[in-house]
Amino acid sequence: MVERMATKKYTVTLPEELAEAIRAEVGSGNFSRYVTRAIEGQRERDRLHEAVRWWESEYGEVTEAELAEVEAEHRDLERRHEERAVDRSDDREATGQGTPEPAGTAGRPGTAEHSSAAGHSGGSPCDEERVAA
């Protein structure tokens, strides 16, 4: 169950074109949720920038070479992640496990998710990945 935060109504001023474009995209009922997520995202970016400023004050500025190295590692990880996802999908199709379980059954005894989570050996690709990790 998702826990809801207490809310309070505030008045903010937004450029009319921006507010109307957002309302047109998300609908009037989801406007506050959209704004909340935007603010949460900005707060997260602010905290990340603060962490980078601290890091650079302790260890010096991140160089272009270091940044390029990290970006190359990130691209490699993304590529390997995509390859694993394709391999898992191929394995599920080959073993007939490609069909999703009916709604509300995930994790129940007798389902693949339960067997995997409970550590039962079902030969699923997830079990192999967990052992390899």
N, C-alpha and C. Protein backbone atom coordinates (compact mmCIF):
# COMPACT_ATOMS: atom_id res chain seq x y z
N MET A 1 0.83 -1.18 0.00
CA MET A 1 0.00 0.00 0.00
C MET A 1 0.88 1.24 0.00
N VAL A 2 0.55 2.20 -0.85
CA VAL A 2 1.32 3.44 -0.95
C VAL A 2 0.83 4.40 0.12
N GLU A 3 1.77 4.91 0.89
CA GLU A 3 1.44 5.86 1.95
C GLU A 3 1.35 7.25 1.36
N ARG A 4 0.27 7.94 1.64
CA ARG A 4 0.07 9.29 1.11
C ARG A 4 0.59 10.32 2.10
N MET A 5 1.25 11.33 1.56
CA MET A 5 1.72 12.43 2.39
C MET A 5 0.56 13.37 2.65
N ALA A 6 0.63 14.04 3.77
CA ALA A 6 -0.35 15.09 4.05
C ALA A 6 -0.15 16.19 3.01
N THR A 7 -1.22 16.79 2.60
CA THR A 7 -1.12 17.85 1.59
C THR A 7 -1.68 19.15 2.15
N LYS A 8 -1.25 20.24 1.54
CA LYS A 8 -1.74 21.56 1.90
C LYS A 8 -1.83 22.36 0.61
N LYS A 9 -2.84 23.15 0.48
CA LYS A 9 -3.04 23.93 -0.73
C LYS A 9 -2.20 25.21 -0.66
N TYR A 10 -1.49 25.51 -1.76
CA TYR A 10 -0.68 26.71 -1.87
C TYR A 10 -1.08 27.45 -3.14
N THR A 11 -0.81 28.70 -3.18
CA THR A 11 -1.03 29.48 -4.38
C THR A 11 0.34 29.80 -4.98
N VAL A 12 0.50 29.43 -6.23
CA VAL A 12 1.75 29.75 -6.94
C VAL A 12 1.38 30.45 -8.24
N THR A 13 2.29 31.23 -8.74
CA THR A 13 2.06 31.93 -10.00
C THR A 13 2.94 31.27 -11.06
N LEU A 14 2.29 30.86 -12.15
CA LEU A 14 2.98 30.22 -13.26
C LEU A 14 2.69 30.99 -14.54
N PRO A 15 3.60 30.96 -15.49
CA PRO A 15 3.27 31.54 -16.79
C PRO A 15 2.04 30.81 -17.37
N GLU A 16 1.07 31.58 -17.85
CA GLU A 16 -0.19 31.01 -18.29
C GLU A 16 0.00 29.96 -19.38
N GLU A 17 0.84 30.23 -20.37
CA GLU A 17 1.04 29.26 -21.46
C GLU A 17 1.59 27.94 -20.93
N LEU A 18 2.53 28.02 -20.01
CA LEU A 18 3.11 26.81 -19.44
C LEU A 18 2.06 26.02 -18.66
N ALA A 19 1.33 26.69 -17.80
CA ALA A 19 0.32 26.02 -17.00
C ALA A 19 -0.75 25.38 -17.87
N GLU A 20 -1.20 26.08 -18.90
CA GLU A 20 -2.24 25.53 -19.78
C GLU A 20 -1.70 24.36 -20.61
N ALA A 21 -0.43 24.41 -21.01
CA ALA A 21 0.17 23.30 -21.76
C ALA A 21 0.24 22.05 -20.88
N ILE A 22 0.63 22.22 -19.64
CA ILE A 22 0.71 21.10 -18.71
C ILE A 22 -0.70 20.54 -18.45
N ARG A 23 -1.64 21.40 -18.19
CA ARG A 23 -3.02 20.97 -17.94
C ARG A 23 -3.57 20.21 -19.14
N ALA A 24 -3.24 20.66 -20.35
CA ALA A 24 -3.71 19.98 -21.56
C ALA A 24 -3.09 18.58 -21.67
N GLU A 25 -1.86 18.44 -21.25
CA GLU A 25 -1.17 17.15 -21.32
C GLU A 25 -1.64 16.18 -20.26
N VAL A 26 -1.80 16.64 -19.03
CA VAL A 26 -2.06 15.72 -17.91
C VAL A 26 -3.50 15.77 -17.40
N GLY A 27 -4.25 16.76 -17.82
CA GLY A 27 -5.62 16.90 -17.32
C GLY A 27 -5.63 17.67 -16.02
N SER A 28 -6.76 18.25 -15.70
CA SER A 28 -6.84 19.09 -14.51
C SER A 28 -6.68 18.29 -13.23
N GLY A 29 -7.12 17.02 -13.23
CA GLY A 29 -7.01 16.20 -12.02
C GLY A 29 -5.60 15.78 -11.68
N ASN A 30 -4.68 15.83 -12.64
CA ASN A 30 -3.30 15.40 -12.40
C ASN A 30 -2.32 16.56 -12.37
N PHE A 31 -2.82 17.78 -12.42
CA PHE A 31 -1.96 18.96 -12.46
C PHE A 31 -1.09 19.05 -11.22
N SER A 32 -1.67 18.91 -10.04
CA SER A 32 -0.90 19.00 -8.80
C SER A 32 0.15 17.91 -8.72
N ARG A 33 -0.21 16.70 -9.14
CA ARG A 33 0.74 15.59 -9.13
C ARG A 33 1.93 15.90 -10.04
N TYR A 34 1.64 16.47 -11.21
CA TYR A 34 2.70 16.82 -12.15
C TYR A 34 3.64 17.86 -11.53
N VAL A 35 3.06 18.89 -10.95
CA VAL A 35 3.87 19.94 -10.33
C VAL A 35 4.68 19.38 -9.16
N THR A 36 4.06 18.51 -8.36
CA THR A 36 4.77 17.89 -7.24
C THR A 36 5.97 17.10 -7.73
N ARG A 37 5.78 16.30 -8.77
CA ARG A 37 6.90 15.51 -9.31
C ARG A 37 8.00 16.40 -9.87
N ALA A 38 7.60 17.51 -10.50
CA ALA A 38 8.60 18.44 -11.04
C ALA A 38 9.43 19.04 -9.90
N ILE A 39 8.76 19.41 -8.82
CA ILE A 39 9.47 19.98 -7.66
C ILE A 39 10.37 18.94 -7.02
N GLU A 40 9.87 17.71 -6.88
CA GLU A 40 10.70 16.64 -6.31
C GLU A 40 11.94 16.40 -7.17
N GLY A 41 11.76 16.43 -8.49
CA GLY A 41 12.90 16.25 -9.39
C GLY A 41 13.92 17.37 -9.23
N GLN A 42 13.44 18.60 -9.11
CA GLN A 42 14.35 19.73 -8.91
C GLN A 42 15.10 19.61 -7.60
N ARG A 43 14.41 19.21 -6.54
CA ARG A 43 15.07 19.04 -5.23
C ARG A 43 16.16 17.98 -5.33
N GLU A 44 15.88 16.89 -6.04
CA GLU A 44 16.88 15.83 -6.21
C GLU A 44 18.10 16.36 -6.97
N ARG A 45 17.86 17.11 -8.05
CA ARG A 45 18.97 17.70 -8.80
C ARG A 45 19.77 18.65 -7.92
N ASP A 46 19.08 19.45 -7.09
CA ASP A 46 19.78 20.37 -6.18
C ASP A 46 20.68 19.60 -5.23
N ARG A 47 20.18 18.49 -4.68
CA ARG A 47 20.99 17.67 -3.76
C ARG A 47 22.19 17.05 -4.49
N LEU A 48 21.98 16.61 -5.71
CA LEU A 48 23.09 16.05 -6.49
C LEU A 48 24.15 17.10 -6.78
N HIS A 49 23.70 18.31 -7.15
CA HIS A 49 24.66 19.40 -7.39
C HIS A 49 25.43 19.72 -6.12
N GLU A 50 24.76 19.70 -4.99
CA GLU A 50 25.42 19.95 -3.71
C GLU A 50 26.48 18.88 -3.44
N ALA A 51 26.15 17.63 -3.73
CA ALA A 51 27.10 16.53 -3.53
C ALA A 51 28.32 16.70 -4.44
N VAL A 52 28.08 17.10 -5.68
CA VAL A 52 29.20 17.32 -6.61
C VAL A 52 30.07 18.47 -6.12
N ARG A 53 29.46 19.56 -5.66
CA ARG A 53 30.25 20.69 -5.13
C ARG A 53 31.11 20.23 -3.95
N TRP A 54 30.53 19.43 -3.05
CA TRP A 54 31.31 18.92 -1.91
C TRP A 54 32.45 18.06 -2.41
N TRP A 55 32.16 17.14 -3.32
CA TRP A 55 33.18 16.23 -3.84
C TRP A 55 34.33 17.03 -4.45
N GLU A 56 33.98 18.02 -5.27
CA GLU A 56 35.01 18.81 -5.93
C GLU A 56 35.79 19.66 -4.94
N SER A 57 35.17 20.09 -3.84
CA SER A 57 35.90 20.85 -2.83
C SER A 57 36.89 19.95 -2.10
N GLU A 58 36.57 18.68 -1.97
CA GLU A 58 37.45 17.73 -1.29
C GLU A 58 38.53 17.17 -2.20
N TYR A 59 38.20 16.88 -3.47
CA TYR A 59 39.08 16.12 -4.35
C TYR A 59 39.45 16.84 -5.64
N GLY A 60 38.97 18.05 -5.83
CA GLY A 60 39.26 18.77 -7.06
C GLY A 60 38.17 18.53 -8.10
N GLU A 61 38.18 19.40 -9.10
CA GLU A 61 37.15 19.31 -10.13
C GLU A 61 37.27 18.03 -10.93
N VAL A 62 36.12 17.53 -11.38
CA VAL A 62 36.09 16.36 -12.24
C VAL A 62 36.61 16.80 -13.60
N THR A 63 37.58 16.04 -14.12
CA THR A 63 38.18 16.41 -15.40
C THR A 63 37.33 15.88 -16.56
N GLU A 64 37.57 16.44 -17.73
CA GLU A 64 36.87 15.97 -18.94
C GLU A 64 37.20 14.50 -19.19
N ALA A 65 38.43 14.08 -18.92
CA ALA A 65 38.82 12.69 -19.13
C ALA A 65 38.05 11.77 -18.17
N GLU A 66 37.92 12.18 -16.91
CA GLU A 66 37.17 11.37 -15.95
C GLU A 66 35.70 11.28 -16.34
N LEU A 67 35.16 12.40 -16.78
CA LEU A 67 33.76 12.42 -17.20
C LEU A 67 33.55 11.52 -18.41
N ALA A 68 34.45 11.57 -19.37
CA ALA A 68 34.35 10.72 -20.56
C ALA A 68 34.44 9.24 -20.18
N GLU A 69 35.32 8.92 -19.22
CA GLU A 69 35.45 7.54 -18.77
C GLU A 69 34.16 7.03 -18.12
N VAL A 70 33.57 7.85 -17.29
CA VAL A 70 32.33 7.46 -16.63
C VAL A 70 31.20 7.32 -17.65
N GLU A 71 31.14 8.23 -18.61
CA GLU A 71 30.10 8.14 -19.64
C GLU A 71 30.27 6.87 -20.47
N ALA A 72 31.52 6.49 -20.78
CA ALA A 72 31.77 5.25 -21.53
C ALA A 72 31.34 4.04 -20.71
N GLU A 73 31.64 4.04 -19.41
CA GLU A 73 31.22 2.94 -18.54
C GLU A 73 29.69 2.86 -18.50
N HIS A 74 29.05 4.00 -18.42
CA HIS A 74 27.58 4.04 -18.38
C HIS A 74 26.99 3.46 -19.67
N ARG A 75 27.53 3.87 -20.81
CA ARG A 75 27.05 3.33 -22.09
C ARG A 75 27.24 1.83 -22.14
N ASP A 76 28.39 1.34 -21.65
CA ASP A 76 28.66 -0.10 -21.65
C ASP A 76 27.67 -0.84 -20.74
N LEU A 77 27.39 -0.28 -19.56
CA LEU A 77 26.41 -0.90 -18.66
C LEU A 77 25.03 -0.93 -19.28
N GLU A 78 24.63 0.16 -19.92
CA GLU A 78 23.33 0.20 -20.58
C GLU A 78 23.25 -0.85 -21.68
N ARG A 79 24.32 -1.00 -22.47
CA ARG A 79 24.35 -1.99 -23.54
C ARG A 79 24.23 -3.40 -22.98
N ARG A 80 25.00 -3.69 -21.91
CA ARG A 80 24.94 -5.03 -21.31
C ARG A 80 23.57 -5.29 -20.69
N HIS A 81 22.96 -4.27 -20.07
CA HIS A 81 21.63 -4.42 -19.50
C HIS A 81 20.62 -4.77 -20.59
N GLU A 82 20.71 -4.07 -21.72
CA GLU A 82 19.80 -4.34 -22.83
C GLU A 82 20.02 -5.75 -23.37
N GLU A 83 21.27 -6.18 -23.48
CA GLU A 83 21.55 -7.54 -23.96
C GLU A 83 20.96 -8.58 -23.01
N ARG A 84 21.10 -8.36 -21.71
CA ARG A 84 20.53 -9.30 -20.74
C ARG A 84 19.02 -9.34 -20.83
N ALA A 85 18.40 -8.18 -21.01
CA ALA A 85 16.93 -8.13 -21.12
C ALA A 85 16.48 -8.91 -22.34
N VAL A 86 17.18 -8.77 -23.46
CA VAL A 86 16.83 -9.51 -24.67
C VAL A 86 17.04 -11.00 -24.44
N ASP A 87 18.17 -11.38 -23.81
CA ASP A 87 18.43 -12.79 -23.53
C ASP A 87 17.35 -13.39 -22.63
N ARG A 88 16.95 -12.67 -21.59
CA ARG A 88 15.91 -13.17 -20.68
C ARG A 88 14.60 -13.33 -21.42
N SER A 89 14.29 -12.38 -22.27
CA SER A 89 13.05 -12.44 -23.04
C SER A 89 13.07 -13.65 -23.97
N ASP A 90 14.21 -13.88 -24.63
CA ASP A 90 14.35 -15.04 -25.52
C ASP A 90 14.21 -16.34 -24.74
N ASP A 91 14.83 -16.39 -23.54
CA ASP A 91 14.76 -17.60 -22.70
C ASP A 91 13.32 -17.87 -22.27
N ARG A 92 12.59 -16.82 -21.89
CA ARG A 92 11.20 -17.01 -21.45
C ARG A 92 10.35 -17.52 -22.59
N GLU A 93 10.55 -16.97 -23.78
CA GLU A 93 9.78 -17.42 -24.94
C GLU A 93 10.09 -18.87 -25.26
N ALA A 94 11.37 -19.26 -25.17
CA ALA A 94 11.77 -20.62 -25.50
C ALA A 94 11.22 -21.63 -24.51
N THR A 95 11.03 -21.22 -23.26
CA THR A 95 10.54 -22.15 -22.23
C THR A 95 9.04 -21.99 -21.98
N GLY A 96 8.39 -21.12 -22.74
CA GLY A 96 6.96 -20.92 -22.57
C GLY A 96 6.60 -20.08 -21.37
N GLN A 97 7.58 -19.38 -20.80
CA GLN A 97 7.32 -18.54 -19.62
C GLN A 97 7.08 -17.09 -20.02
N GLY A 98 6.84 -16.84 -21.29
CA GLY A 98 6.68 -15.47 -21.76
C GLY A 98 5.34 -14.86 -21.44
N THR A 99 4.37 -15.68 -21.03
CA THR A 99 3.04 -15.13 -20.74
C THR A 99 2.99 -14.61 -19.32
N PRO A 100 2.51 -13.38 -19.12
CA PRO A 100 2.43 -12.85 -17.76
C PRO A 100 1.39 -13.61 -16.95
N GLU A 101 1.60 -13.63 -15.64
CA GLU A 101 0.65 -14.28 -14.75
C GLU A 101 -0.59 -13.42 -14.63
N PRO A 102 -1.74 -14.02 -14.37
CA PRO A 102 -2.96 -13.23 -14.21
C PRO A 102 -2.81 -12.20 -13.10
N ALA A 103 -3.50 -11.09 -13.23
CA ALA A 103 -3.44 -10.01 -12.24
C ALA A 103 -3.76 -10.55 -10.86
N GLY A 104 -2.97 -10.12 -9.88
CA GLY A 104 -3.23 -10.50 -8.50
C GLY A 104 -2.62 -11.83 -8.08
N THR A 105 -1.93 -12.53 -9.01
CA THR A 105 -1.37 -13.82 -8.64
C THR A 105 0.13 -13.76 -8.42
N ALA A 106 0.78 -12.66 -8.82
CA ALA A 106 2.24 -12.57 -8.71
C ALA A 106 2.68 -12.78 -7.27
N GLY A 107 3.64 -13.66 -7.09
CA GLY A 107 4.20 -13.92 -5.77
C GLY A 107 3.44 -14.96 -4.97
N ARG A 108 2.31 -15.43 -5.46
CA ARG A 108 1.56 -16.44 -4.73
C ARG A 108 2.21 -17.81 -4.90
N PRO A 109 2.08 -18.69 -3.92
CA PRO A 109 2.63 -20.04 -4.06
C PRO A 109 2.15 -20.67 -5.35
N GLY A 110 3.10 -21.34 -6.01
CA GLY A 110 2.76 -22.00 -7.26
C GLY A 110 3.04 -21.15 -8.48
N THR A 111 3.41 -19.87 -8.28
CA THR A 111 3.73 -19.01 -9.42
C THR A 111 5.23 -18.91 -9.56
N ALA A 112 5.67 -18.54 -10.76
CA ALA A 112 7.11 -18.43 -11.02
C ALA A 112 7.75 -17.39 -10.11
N GLU A 113 7.05 -16.27 -9.86
CA GLU A 113 7.62 -15.23 -9.02
C GLU A 113 7.82 -15.75 -7.59
N HIS A 114 6.86 -16.50 -7.08
CA HIS A 114 6.98 -17.06 -5.74
C HIS A 114 8.15 -18.02 -5.69
N SER A 115 8.25 -18.90 -6.66
CA SER A 115 9.33 -19.89 -6.66
C SER A 115 10.67 -19.21 -6.67
N SER A 116 10.80 -18.17 -7.49
CA SER A 116 12.06 -17.46 -7.59
C SER A 116 12.36 -16.72 -6.28
N ALA A 117 11.36 -16.02 -5.73
CA ALA A 117 11.57 -15.25 -4.51
C ALA A 117 11.84 -16.15 -3.32
N ALA A 118 11.26 -17.34 -3.33
CA ALA A 118 11.45 -18.25 -2.21
C ALA A 118 12.73 -19.07 -2.35
N GLY A 119 13.45 -18.85 -3.46
CA GLY A 119 14.70 -19.56 -3.64
C GLY A 119 14.53 -20.95 -4.23
N HIS A 120 13.34 -21.27 -4.72
CA HIS A 120 13.13 -22.57 -5.35
C HIS A 120 13.79 -22.59 -6.70
N SER A 121 14.39 -23.69 -7.03
CA SER A 121 15.05 -23.80 -8.32
C SER A 121 14.03 -24.17 -9.36
N GLY A 122 13.75 -23.24 -10.25
CA GLY A 122 12.80 -23.51 -11.31
C GLY A 122 13.46 -23.39 -12.65
N GLY A 123 14.77 -23.17 -12.64
CA GLY A 123 15.49 -23.06 -13.89
C GLY A 123 15.20 -21.76 -14.62
N SER A 124 14.66 -20.78 -13.94
CA SER A 124 14.34 -19.53 -14.63
C SER A 124 15.61 -18.70 -14.80
N PRO A 125 15.65 -17.86 -15.81
CA PRO A 125 16.81 -17.00 -16.03
C PRO A 125 17.10 -16.11 -14.83
N CYS A 126 16.05 -15.72 -14.08
CA CYS A 126 16.25 -14.88 -12.90
C CYS A 126 17.08 -15.59 -11.87
N ASP A 127 16.84 -16.90 -11.68
CA ASP A 127 17.61 -17.67 -10.71
C ASP A 127 19.08 -17.70 -11.11
N GLU A 128 19.34 -17.88 -12.40
CA GLU A 128 20.73 -17.93 -12.88
C GLU A 128 21.40 -16.59 -12.66
N GLU A 129 20.68 -15.50 -12.93
CA GLU A 129 21.26 -14.17 -12.77
C GLU A 129 21.55 -13.89 -11.31
N ARG A 130 20.65 -14.30 -10.40
CA ARG A 130 20.84 -14.06 -8.98
C ARG A 130 22.11 -14.78 -8.50
N VAL A 131 22.32 -16.02 -8.96
CA VAL A 131 23.48 -16.78 -8.55
C VAL A 131 24.74 -16.16 -9.12
N ALA A 132 24.67 -15.68 -10.38
CA ALA A 132 25.83 -15.09 -11.03
C ALA A 132 26.21 -13.76 -10.40
N ALA A 133 25.22 -13.06 -9.87
CA ALA A 133 25.47 -11.73 -9.29
C ALA A 133 26.13 -11.87 -7.98
